Protein backbone atom coordinates (compact mmCIF):
# COMPACT_ATOMS: atom_id res chain seq x y z
CA MET A 1 -33.57 -74.40 -23.40
CA LYS A 2 -30.48 -74.34 -20.69
CA VAL A 3 -28.38 -74.57 -23.76
CA ILE A 4 -30.05 -70.83 -24.79
CA GLY A 5 -30.05 -69.35 -20.97
CA ASN A 6 -26.31 -70.03 -21.12
CA PHE A 7 -25.40 -69.07 -24.62
CA ILE A 8 -27.16 -65.53 -23.71
CA LEU A 9 -25.58 -65.19 -20.61
CA LEU A 10 -21.60 -66.56 -22.19
CA ILE A 11 -22.82 -63.58 -24.53
CA GLY A 12 -23.44 -60.87 -22.10
CA VAL A 13 -20.25 -61.62 -20.26
CA ILE A 14 -18.62 -60.98 -23.38
CA LEU A 15 -19.54 -57.88 -23.87
CA LEU A 16 -18.97 -56.65 -20.47
CA THR A 17 -16.02 -58.07 -20.43
CA VAL A 18 -14.64 -56.10 -24.01
CA PHE A 19 -16.81 -53.19 -22.46
CA ALA A 20 -14.85 -52.79 -19.37
CA TYR A 21 -11.26 -53.54 -21.56
CA GLN A 22 -12.13 -50.50 -24.09
CA PHE A 23 -13.45 -48.47 -20.58
CA TYR A 24 -9.96 -49.06 -18.88
CA GLY A 25 -7.72 -48.43 -22.03
CA HIS A 26 -9.18 -45.54 -22.51
CA GLU A 27 -8.92 -43.96 -19.56
CA GLN A 28 -5.19 -45.37 -19.18
CA ALA A 29 -4.56 -43.37 -21.90
CA LEU A 30 -6.21 -40.19 -20.94
CA ASN A 31 -4.39 -40.21 -17.81
CA VAL A 32 -0.98 -40.56 -20.11
CA SER A 33 -1.86 -37.45 -21.82
CA LEU A 34 -2.71 -35.29 -18.88
CA VAL A 35 0.56 -36.30 -17.20
CA GLN A 36 1.96 -35.17 -20.75
CA ALA A 37 0.36 -32.32 -20.86
CA GLU A 38 0.69 -31.33 -17.78
CA GLU A 39 4.15 -31.90 -18.09
CA ARG A 40 4.95 -29.12 -20.92
CA ILE A 41 2.48 -26.56 -19.27
CA SER A 42 5.58 -27.23 -16.30
CA GLN A 43 8.35 -27.33 -18.50
CA GLU A 44 7.99 -24.37 -20.76
CA GLU A 45 6.34 -22.61 -18.00
CA ASP A 46 9.96 -22.62 -16.63
CA MET A 47 11.75 -21.63 -19.63
CA LEU A 48 9.34 -18.52 -19.69
CA VAL A 49 10.14 -17.42 -16.33
CA ASN A 50 13.94 -18.39 -17.57
CA HIS A 51 13.30 -16.50 -20.70
CA ASP A 52 14.46 -18.67 -22.84
CA SER A 53 11.16 -19.32 -25.03
CA ALA A 54 9.51 -16.42 -24.62
CA SER A 55 10.27 -14.81 -28.25
CA GLN A 56 9.25 -18.18 -30.08
CA PRO A 57 6.37 -19.02 -31.38
CA PHE A 58 4.28 -22.21 -29.62
CA GLU A 59 4.43 -25.22 -31.62
CA VAL A 60 3.22 -28.71 -30.89
CA ASN A 61 3.49 -32.12 -32.63
CA TYR A 62 0.26 -33.95 -33.90
CA HIS A 63 -0.89 -36.21 -31.29
CA GLU A 64 0.99 -34.33 -29.00
CA ALA A 65 -0.90 -33.34 -25.47
CA PHE A 66 0.14 -29.85 -25.01
CA ALA A 67 -2.38 -28.09 -22.62
CA THR A 68 -5.31 -28.73 -20.56
CA LEU A 69 -9.12 -28.30 -20.70
CA GLU A 70 -10.45 -27.12 -17.54
CA ILE A 71 -14.45 -28.01 -16.75
CA PRO A 72 -15.50 -26.47 -13.85
CA LYS A 73 -19.12 -27.40 -13.95
CA LEU A 74 -18.55 -30.89 -14.50
CA ASP A 75 -15.28 -30.70 -12.53
CA LYS A 76 -12.96 -32.34 -14.60
CA THR A 77 -9.58 -30.99 -16.32
CA LEU A 78 -8.67 -33.62 -19.60
CA PRO A 79 -5.51 -32.96 -22.07
CA ILE A 80 -6.05 -31.30 -24.87
CA VAL A 81 -4.31 -33.10 -27.77
CA GLU A 82 -3.61 -31.96 -31.56
CA GLY A 83 -5.35 -33.30 -33.82
CA THR A 84 -9.32 -34.38 -34.14
CA ASP A 85 -8.63 -37.89 -35.97
CA PRO A 86 -9.89 -40.75 -34.39
CA GLU A 87 -6.11 -41.90 -32.90
CA ALA A 88 -5.92 -37.78 -31.10
CA LEU A 89 -9.99 -38.41 -29.53
CA GLU A 90 -8.93 -41.78 -28.02
CA LYS A 91 -6.06 -39.96 -26.45
CA GLY A 92 -8.28 -36.91 -24.85
CA VAL A 93 -9.40 -33.28 -26.33
CA GLY A 94 -9.00 -32.57 -29.57
CA HIS A 95 -7.75 -29.63 -31.20
CA LEU A 96 -8.31 -28.92 -34.90
CA SER A 97 -5.27 -28.38 -36.97
CA ASP A 98 -6.18 -25.43 -38.58
CA SER A 99 -7.09 -23.32 -35.82
CA ALA A 100 -5.79 -20.85 -33.04
CA PHE A 101 -4.70 -20.91 -30.29
CA PRO A 102 -5.85 -18.93 -26.94
CA GLN A 103 -4.27 -15.24 -27.46
CA GLN A 104 -3.92 -15.96 -31.06
CA GLY A 105 -7.47 -13.76 -31.61
CA GLU A 106 -9.23 -16.01 -33.54
CA GLN A 107 -11.82 -19.34 -33.51
CA ILE A 108 -10.55 -22.08 -31.43
CA VAL A 109 -11.63 -25.48 -32.45
CA LEU A 110 -11.76 -28.44 -29.56
CA SER A 111 -13.68 -31.58 -30.17
CA GLY A 112 -14.23 -34.70 -28.42
CA HIS A 113 -16.88 -37.58 -27.97
CA ARG A 114 -19.73 -37.15 -25.43
CA ASP A 115 -19.71 -40.92 -24.30
CA THR A 116 -15.45 -40.49 -23.17
CA VAL A 117 -13.92 -36.98 -22.17
CA PHE A 118 -17.05 -34.83 -22.38
CA ARG A 119 -19.48 -37.13 -20.71
CA GLY A 120 -22.49 -35.12 -18.64
CA PHE A 121 -21.66 -32.43 -21.47
CA LYS A 122 -25.50 -32.23 -20.92
CA ASP A 123 -25.34 -29.88 -17.36
CA ILE A 124 -23.55 -27.25 -19.37
CA GLU A 125 -25.13 -24.33 -20.56
CA GLU A 126 -24.89 -20.87 -21.48
CA GLY A 127 -22.51 -18.54 -18.03
CA ASP A 128 -20.95 -22.09 -17.45
CA GLN A 129 -16.78 -21.50 -18.47
CA PHE A 130 -13.68 -23.48 -19.95
CA ILE A 131 -10.02 -22.69 -19.22
CA ILE A 132 -7.59 -23.99 -21.12
CA SER A 133 -3.38 -24.47 -18.96
CA MET A 134 -1.35 -23.54 -21.63
CA PRO A 135 2.61 -23.92 -22.16
CA TYR A 136 2.29 -19.99 -22.09
CA GLY A 137 -0.67 -19.52 -19.22
CA THR A 138 -4.31 -19.79 -18.11
CA TYR A 139 -7.39 -18.44 -20.32
CA THR A 140 -11.41 -18.85 -19.48
CA TYR A 141 -13.65 -18.60 -21.31
CA LYS A 142 -17.62 -17.84 -20.58
CA ILE A 143 -20.11 -19.45 -22.96
CA LYS A 144 -22.53 -17.39 -24.52
CA LYS A 145 -24.01 -19.33 -27.24
CA THR A 146 -24.46 -23.15 -27.49
CA GLU A 147 -27.04 -24.62 -31.06
CA ILE A 148 -26.92 -28.00 -32.35
CA VAL A 149 -25.93 -28.48 -35.85
CA PRO A 150 -26.28 -31.93 -38.38
CA GLU A 151 -23.29 -33.83 -38.15
CA ASP A 152 -21.33 -32.59 -41.52
CA ASP A 153 -22.54 -28.94 -41.21
CA THR A 154 -18.61 -27.48 -41.24
CA SER A 155 -20.38 -23.67 -40.75
CA VAL A 156 -18.81 -23.80 -37.61
CA ILE A 157 -15.26 -23.68 -38.48
CA ARG A 158 -14.44 -20.06 -39.73
CA ASP A 159 -12.89 -17.00 -39.01
CA MET A 160 -14.85 -15.41 -36.37
CA GLY A 161 -12.57 -12.24 -36.62
CA GLU A 162 -12.35 -12.02 -32.62
CA GLU A 163 -11.60 -14.84 -30.44
CA VAL A 164 -14.01 -17.59 -29.93
CA LEU A 165 -13.39 -20.86 -28.48
CA VAL A 166 -15.84 -23.38 -29.64
CA VAL A 167 -16.43 -26.72 -28.20
CA THR A 168 -17.98 -29.47 -29.66
CA THR A 169 -19.23 -33.14 -29.41
CA CYS A 170 -21.43 -35.47 -30.91
CA TYR A 171 -25.72 -34.98 -29.77
CA PRO A 172 -27.79 -36.29 -28.33
CA PHE A 173 -26.21 -36.96 -25.50
CA ASN A 174 -27.83 -40.26 -24.64
CA TYR A 175 -27.89 -41.60 -28.72
CA VAL A 176 -26.46 -45.30 -29.29
CA GLY A 177 -24.28 -45.44 -32.08
CA ASP A 178 -23.44 -43.01 -34.74
CA ALA A 179 -25.33 -39.69 -33.26
CA PRO A 180 -26.47 -37.42 -36.72
CA TYR A 181 -26.09 -33.95 -34.88
CA ARG A 182 -23.41 -31.83 -33.38
CA TYR A 183 -23.72 -29.73 -30.01
CA VAL A 184 -21.99 -26.52 -30.07
CA THR A 185 -20.90 -24.10 -27.76
CA TYR A 186 -19.06 -20.53 -27.68
CA ALA A 187 -17.50 -19.47 -25.23
CA TYR A 188 -15.44 -16.01 -25.44
CA PRO A 189 -12.60 -14.89 -23.26
CA LEU A 190 -13.16 -13.56 -19.74
CA ASP A 191 -10.55 -9.73 -19.77
């Protein structure tokens, strides 16, 4: 019996060590991306002040951290990374490459994991705000609608004919494993 108890204890220690290592690695990747995003914002703001890049279209490379998403309700500022594949989502909030950027008058789609960047997202509700800081400006959006859709429902990604920030994450928030639904917020620019 003592051998079984020791074995279970050993398995528990191993699992805790693996979890701690993964958590630490994710936090490090997030911090690196946040520094990169803030540097990109700062560099391009300086260039705009000097009128060096004001007329050039905004471009980003895949997996590049290029902006930040502030969620005042959660007291978080997160890096936005180009792409929504697992590597991009490991670095921060993913920007769907086929979607728009702020001030382009169309749907902006951001995604993130509920158990990493969007930890605490269960507290988000209509009326809350998102603030996106881009190299060319800062934009505030107010949540006007939320919905829960099946994980394979891609109808939320579409032309909307107006600027809408769509932020998605897995749902239910406390689900263990691959969640069967997505929690979707629709936020509109504040004038």
